[in-house]
């Protein structure tokens, strides 16, 4: 679908298996998620700074409560800065190469290859963008339970790709074909 040659290491792992699609993801996650993370980190750092520095300048370091307060605010400041810079990092991080075959989705990034059987996906797919710069989010059956007891599924992001509707239809078809749950009657 795209004009680029597969790395030899990836070609060797795929072998003679027929490829439904091959795309190079321009980012690890959609741009909107990355921008939100940068904004949140900046906001968190700014609020922490406005609270931290005026209080810090007026504190006496002899009182135990004041030292605890400084440590507490420092943690918030470090979290905000970390979230901000991880968002900046994700803004420029490439997403790797995705290859769809009849039985699996293959993700190749930085010399590492991950094989994901289509049956591991739940069938919930989100798309955004347009045909020339689209994003697909494939929800998996695996995930974690958050502290509120709700299941949060893992997601695979294929971001910044062309031929969005064609890739979406292929993914949807392969997930349905490989669905391990019995059909509803």
C-alpha atoms as a PDB file:
ATOM      1  CA  UNK A   1       0.000   0.000   0.000  1.00  0.00           C
ATOM      2  CA  UNK A   2       2.881   2.335   0.683  1.00  0.00           C
ATOM      3  CA  UNK A   3       6.045   2.671  -1.343  1.00  0.00           C
ATOM      4  CA  UNK A   4       8.884   1.534   0.893  1.00  0.00           C
ATOM      5  CA  UNK A   5      10.858  -1.631   1.270  1.00  0.00           C
ATOM      6  CA  UNK A   6      10.534  -3.766   4.366  1.00  0.00           C
ATOM      7  CA  UNK A   7      13.627  -4.235   6.518  1.00  0.00           C
ATOM      8  CA  UNK A   8      15.314  -7.573   5.759  1.00  0.00           C
ATOM      9  CA  UNK A   9      14.813  -8.757   9.340  1.00  0.00           C
ATOM     10  CA  UNK A  10      11.042  -8.200   9.085  1.00  0.00           C
ATOM     11  CA  UNK A  11      10.811  -9.750   5.608  1.00  0.00           C
ATOM     12  CA  UNK A  12      12.565 -12.865   6.905  1.00  0.00           C
ATOM     13  CA  UNK A  13      10.103 -13.195   9.790  1.00  0.00           C
ATOM     14  CA  UNK A  14       7.065 -12.803   7.530  1.00  0.00           C
ATOM     15  CA  UNK A  15       8.438 -15.232   4.967  1.00  0.00           C
ATOM     16  CA  UNK A  16       6.069 -16.168   2.168  1.00  0.00           C
ATOM     17  CA  UNK A  17       2.933 -15.256   4.121  1.00  0.00           C
ATOM     18  CA  UNK A  18       0.577 -13.071   2.060  1.00  0.00           C
ATOM     19  CA  UNK A  19       0.425  -9.465   3.238  1.00  0.00           C
ATOM     20  CA  UNK A  20      -3.001  -7.759   3.346  1.00  0.00           C
ATOM     21  CA  UNK A  21      -1.446  -4.382   4.040  1.00  0.00           C
ATOM     22  CA  UNK A  22       1.865  -2.792   4.951  1.00  0.00           C
ATOM     23  CA  UNK A  23       1.920   0.693   6.502  1.00  0.00           C
ATOM     24  CA  UNK A  24       4.471   2.855   8.231  1.00  0.00           C
ATOM     25  CA  UNK A  25       2.937   4.559  11.248  1.00  0.00           C
ATOM     26  CA  UNK A  26       4.184   8.119  11.553  1.00  0.00           C
ATOM     27  CA  UNK A  27       3.571   8.299  15.334  1.00  0.00           C
ATOM     28  CA  UNK A  28       3.159   5.936  18.289  1.00  0.00           C
ATOM     29  CA  UNK A  29      -0.239   7.407  19.119  1.00  0.00           C
ATOM     30  CA  UNK A  30      -2.667   9.890  17.579  1.00  0.00           C
ATOM     31  CA  UNK A  31      -1.570  13.523  17.608  1.00  0.00           C
ATOM     32  CA  UNK A  32      -4.596  14.565  19.676  1.00  0.00           C
ATOM     33  CA  UNK A  33      -3.569  12.245  22.538  1.00  0.00           C
ATOM     34  CA  UNK A  34      -0.004  13.546  22.443  1.00  0.00           C
ATOM     35  CA  UNK A  35      -1.116  17.207  22.407  1.00  0.00           C
ATOM     36  CA  UNK A  36      -3.424  16.523  25.361  1.00  0.00           C
ATOM     37  CA  UNK A  37      -0.545  14.945  27.298  1.00  0.00           C
ATOM     38  CA  UNK A  38       1.723  17.934  26.590  1.00  0.00           C
ATOM     39  CA  UNK A  39      -1.024  20.371  27.608  1.00  0.00           C
ATOM     40  CA  UNK A  40      -1.801  18.408  30.791  1.00  0.00           C
ATOM     41  CA  UNK A  41       1.878  18.264  31.761  1.00  0.00           C
ATOM     42  CA  UNK A  42       2.294  21.988  31.128  1.00  0.00           C
ATOM     43  CA  UNK A  43      -0.856  22.806  33.115  1.00  0.00           C
ATOM     44  CA  UNK A  44       0.139  20.512  36.008  1.00  0.00           C
ATOM     45  CA  UNK A  45       3.646  22.023  36.112  1.00  0.00           C
ATOM     46  CA  UNK A  46       2.313  25.597  35.929  1.00  0.00           C
ATOM     47  CA  UNK A  47      -0.212  25.145  38.732  1.00  0.00           C
ATOM     48  CA  UNK A  48       2.379  23.379  40.885  1.00  0.00           C
ATOM     49  CA  UNK A  49       4.884  26.177  40.221  1.00  0.00           C
ATOM     50  CA  UNK A  50       2.432  28.967  41.102  1.00  0.00           C
ATOM     51  CA  UNK A  51       1.665  27.236  44.389  1.00  0.00           C
ATOM     52  CA  UNK A  52       5.182  25.981  45.099  1.00  0.00           C
ATOM     53  CA  UNK A  53       7.458  28.995  44.640  1.00  0.00           C
ATOM     54  CA  UNK A  54       5.566  31.641  46.690  1.00  0.00           C
ATOM     55  CA  UNK A  55       5.115  29.168  49.523  1.00  0.00           C
ATOM     56  CA  UNK A  56       8.717  27.993  49.239  1.00  0.00           C
ATOM     57  CA  UNK A  57      10.087  31.535  49.572  1.00  0.00           C
ATOM     58  CA  UNK A  58       8.136  32.195  52.785  1.00  0.00           C
ATOM     59  CA  UNK A  59       8.815  28.927  54.612  1.00  0.00           C
ATOM     60  CA  UNK A  60      11.135  28.314  57.492  1.00  0.00           C
ATOM     61  CA  UNK A  61      12.969  25.033  57.086  1.00  0.00           C
ATOM     62  CA  UNK A  62      13.017  24.304  60.798  1.00  0.00           C
ATOM     63  CA  UNK A  63       9.432  23.145  61.011  1.00  0.00           C
ATOM     64  CA  UNK A  64       8.742  19.484  60.078  1.00  0.00           C
ATOM     65  CA  UNK A  65       5.336  20.327  58.534  1.00  0.00           C
ATOM     66  CA  UNK A  66       6.937  22.836  56.175  1.00  0.00           C
ATOM     67  CA  UNK A  67       9.517  20.308  54.998  1.00  0.00           C
ATOM     68  CA  UNK A  68       6.720  17.776  54.364  1.00  0.00           C
ATOM     69  CA  UNK A  69       4.821  20.418  52.376  1.00  0.00           C
ATOM     70  CA  UNK A  70       7.890  21.191  50.254  1.00  0.00           C
ATOM     71  CA  UNK A  71       8.408  17.493  49.493  1.00  0.00           C
ATOM     72  CA  UNK A  72       4.723  17.104  48.607  1.00  0.00           C
ATOM     73  CA  UNK A  73       4.765  20.038  46.182  1.00  0.00           C
ATOM     74  CA  UNK A  74       8.084  18.888  44.709  1.00  0.00           C
ATOM     75  CA  UNK A  75       6.507  15.543  43.830  1.00  0.00           C
ATOM     76  CA  UNK A  76       3.694  17.350  41.975  1.00  0.00           C
ATOM     77  CA  UNK A  77       6.215  19.468  40.130  1.00  0.00           C
ATOM     78  CA  UNK A  78       8.270  16.425  39.102  1.00  0.00           C
ATOM     79  CA  UNK A  79       5.124  14.605  37.885  1.00  0.00           C
ATOM     80  CA  UNK A  80       4.078  17.596  35.766  1.00  0.00           C
ATOM     81  CA  UNK A  81       7.510  17.986  34.215  1.00  0.00           C
ATOM     82  CA  UNK A  82       7.710  14.229  33.514  1.00  0.00           C
ATOM     83  CA  UNK A  83       4.308  14.141  31.802  1.00  0.00           C
ATOM     84  CA  UNK A  84       5.184  17.222  29.739  1.00  0.00           C
ATOM     85  CA  UNK A  85       8.520  15.874  28.497  1.00  0.00           C
ATOM     86  CA  UNK A  86       7.131  12.383  27.812  1.00  0.00           C
ATOM     87  CA  UNK A  87       4.485  14.083  25.636  1.00  0.00           C
ATOM     88  CA  UNK A  88       7.208  15.988  23.765  1.00  0.00           C
ATOM     89  CA  UNK A  89       9.092  12.698  23.295  1.00  0.00           C
ATOM     90  CA  UNK A  90       5.949  10.955  21.947  1.00  0.00           C
ATOM     91  CA  UNK A  91       5.335  13.855  19.570  1.00  0.00           C
ATOM     92  CA  UNK A  92       8.471  12.932  17.638  1.00  0.00           C
ATOM     93  CA  UNK A  93       8.573   9.150  18.209  1.00  0.00           C
ATOM     94  CA  UNK A  94       7.798   7.115  15.083  1.00  0.00           C
ATOM     95  CA  UNK A  95       5.252   4.316  15.313  1.00  0.00           C
ATOM     96  CA  UNK A  96       7.014   1.625  13.322  1.00  0.00           C
ATOM     97  CA  UNK A  97       5.799  -0.630  10.531  1.00  0.00           C
ATOM     98  CA  UNK A  98       2.536  -2.590  10.665  1.00  0.00           C
ATOM     99  CA  UNK A  99       1.889  -5.598   8.454  1.00  0.00           C
ATOM    100  CA  UNK A 100      -1.510  -7.252   8.321  1.00  0.00           C
ATOM    101  CA  UNK A 101      -1.795 -10.902   7.279  1.00  0.00           C
ATOM    102  CA  UNK A 102      -4.710 -13.344   7.327  1.00  0.00           C
ATOM    103  CA  UNK A 103      -3.966 -14.539  10.880  1.00  0.00           C
ATOM    104  CA  UNK A 104      -2.047 -11.731  12.593  1.00  0.00           C
ATOM    105  CA  UNK A 105      -1.007  -8.134  12.841  1.00  0.00           C
ATOM    106  CA  UNK A 106       2.757  -7.672  12.889  1.00  0.00           C
ATOM    107  CA  UNK A 107       4.352  -4.607  14.458  1.00  0.00           C
ATOM    108  CA  UNK A 108       8.020  -3.905  13.756  1.00  0.00           C
ATOM    109  CA  UNK A 109       9.744  -1.089  15.619  1.00  0.00           C
ATOM    110  CA  UNK A 110      13.415  -0.470  16.447  1.00  0.00           C
ATOM    111  CA  UNK A 111      14.450  -4.000  15.472  1.00  0.00           C
ATOM    112  CA  UNK A 112      11.763  -5.651  17.613  1.00  0.00           C
ATOM    113  CA  UNK A 113       8.914  -7.611  16.067  1.00  0.00           C
ATOM    114  CA  UNK A 114       5.601  -8.198  17.816  1.00  0.00           C
ATOM    115  CA  UNK A 115       3.087 -10.708  16.436  1.00  0.00           C
ATOM    116  CA  UNK A 116      -0.525 -10.213  17.535  1.00  0.00           C
ATOM    117  CA  UNK A 117      -3.164 -12.733  16.471  1.00  0.00           C
ATOM    118  CA  UNK A 118      -6.337 -11.088  15.170  1.00  0.00           C
ATOM    119  CA  UNK A 119      -8.330 -13.073  17.736  1.00  0.00           C
ATOM    120  CA  UNK A 120      -6.657 -10.964  20.464  1.00  0.00           C
ATOM    121  CA  UNK A 121      -8.634  -7.907  19.320  1.00  0.00           C
ATOM    122  CA  UNK A 122     -12.118  -7.224  20.690  1.00  0.00           C
ATOM    123  CA  UNK A 123     -13.504  -5.772  17.465  1.00  0.00           C
ATOM    124  CA  UNK A 124     -13.873  -2.235  18.837  1.00  0.00           C
ATOM    125  CA  UNK A 125     -12.087  -0.006  16.358  1.00  0.00           C
ATOM    126  CA  UNK A 126     -11.855   3.784  16.356  1.00  0.00           C
ATOM    127  CA  UNK A 127     -10.784   5.762  13.326  1.00  0.00           C
ATOM    128  CA  UNK A 128     -10.037   9.445  12.960  1.00  0.00           C
ATOM    129  CA  UNK A 129      -8.450  11.719  10.425  1.00  0.00           C
ATOM    130  CA  UNK A 130      -8.768  11.407   6.676  1.00  0.00           C
ATOM    131  CA  UNK A 131      -7.590   9.126   3.872  1.00  0.00           C
ATOM    132  CA  UNK A 132      -4.159  10.749   3.652  1.00  0.00           C
ATOM    133  CA  UNK A 133      -3.433  11.101   7.382  1.00  0.00           C
ATOM    134  CA  UNK A 134      -5.629   8.769   9.399  1.00  0.00           C
ATOM    135  CA  UNK A 135      -5.474   6.992  12.724  1.00  0.00           C
ATOM    136  CA  UNK A 136      -6.770   3.573  13.747  1.00  0.00           C
ATOM    137  CA  UNK A 137      -7.116   2.469  17.348  1.00  0.00           C
ATOM    138  CA  UNK A 138      -7.619  -1.285  17.777  1.00  0.00           C
ATOM    139  CA  UNK A 139      -8.933  -2.374  21.172  1.00  0.00           C
ATOM    140  CA  UNK A 140      -7.584  -5.630  22.537  1.00  0.00           C
ATOM    141  CA  UNK A 141      -9.166  -8.244  24.806  1.00  0.00           C
ATOM    142  CA  UNK A 142      -6.280  -7.816  27.265  1.00  0.00           C
ATOM    143  CA  UNK A 143      -5.899  -4.913  29.634  1.00  0.00           C
ATOM    144  CA  UNK A 144      -5.934  -3.899  33.271  1.00  0.00           C
ATOM    145  CA  UNK A 145      -8.526  -3.155  35.893  1.00  0.00           C
ATOM    146  CA  UNK A 146      -8.217   0.391  37.200  1.00  0.00           C
ATOM    147  CA  UNK A 147      -8.583   1.334  40.854  1.00  0.00           C
ATOM    148  CA  UNK A 148     -12.328   1.923  40.389  1.00  0.00           C
ATOM    149  CA  UNK A 149     -12.748  -1.687  39.278  1.00  0.00           C
ATOM    150  CA  UNK A 150     -13.338  -0.917  35.602  1.00  0.00           C
ATOM    151  CA  UNK A 151     -11.565  -2.886  32.888  1.00  0.00           C
ATOM    152  CA  UNK A 152      -9.357  -0.692  30.687  1.00  0.00           C
ATOM    153  CA  UNK A 153      -8.369  -2.549  27.501  1.00  0.00           C
ATOM    154  CA  UNK A 154      -4.967  -2.295  25.865  1.00  0.00           C
ATOM    155  CA  UNK A 155      -4.963  -0.508  22.512  1.00  0.00           C
ATOM    156  CA  UNK A 156      -2.796  -0.661  19.422  1.00  0.00           C
ATOM    157  CA  UNK A 157      -2.461   2.666  17.617  1.00  0.00           C
ATOM    158  CA  UNK A 158      -1.646   2.910  13.919  1.00  0.00           C
ATOM    159  CA  UNK A 159      -1.286   6.656  13.400  1.00  0.00           C
ATOM    160  CA  UNK A 160      -0.641   8.994  10.523  1.00  0.00           C
ATOM    161  CA  UNK A 161      -1.341   6.505   7.717  1.00  0.00           C
ATOM    162  CA  UNK A 162      -2.793   6.783   4.238  1.00  0.00           C
ATOM    163  CA  UNK A 163      -5.601   4.596   2.819  1.00  0.00           C
ATOM    164  CA  UNK A 164      -7.465   4.767   6.134  1.00  0.00           C
ATOM    165  CA  UNK A 165     -10.770   3.254   5.013  1.00  0.00           C
ATOM    166  CA  UNK A 166      -9.072   0.347   3.208  1.00  0.00           C
ATOM    167  CA  UNK A 167      -6.897  -0.528   6.240  1.00  0.00           C
ATOM    168  CA  UNK A 168      -9.928  -0.191   8.531  1.00  0.00           C
ATOM    169  CA  UNK A 169     -11.990  -2.598   6.417  1.00  0.00           C
ATOM    170  CA  UNK A 170      -9.171  -5.161   6.298  1.00  0.00           C
ATOM    171  CA  UNK A 171      -8.665  -4.991  10.076  1.00  0.00           C
ATOM    172  CA  UNK A 172     -12.402  -5.282  10.686  1.00  0.00           C
ATOM    173  CA  UNK A 173     -12.679  -8.278   8.328  1.00  0.00           C
ATOM    174  CA  UNK A 174      -9.700 -10.115   9.863  1.00  0.00           C
ATOM    175  CA  UNK A 175     -10.932  -9.544  13.417  1.00  0.00           C
ATOM    176  CA  UNK A 176     -14.384 -10.905  12.504  1.00  0.00           C
ATOM    177  CA  UNK A 177     -12.890 -13.922  10.691  1.00  0.00           C
ATOM    178  CA  UNK A 178     -10.679 -14.812  13.648  1.00  0.00           C
ATOM    179  CA  UNK A 179     -13.175 -14.047  16.445  1.00  0.00           C
ATOM    180  CA  UNK A 180     -12.878 -16.862  19.034  1.00  0.00           C
ATOM    181  CA  UNK A 181     -16.299 -16.205  20.599  1.00  0.00           C
ATOM    182  CA  UNK A 182     -19.148 -18.349  19.306  1.00  0.00           C
ATOM    183  CA  UNK A 183     -21.568 -16.581  16.959  1.00  0.00           C
ATOM    184  CA  UNK A 184     -24.805 -15.251  18.518  1.00  0.00           C
ATOM    185  CA  UNK A 185     -27.969 -17.062  17.545  1.00  0.00           C
END
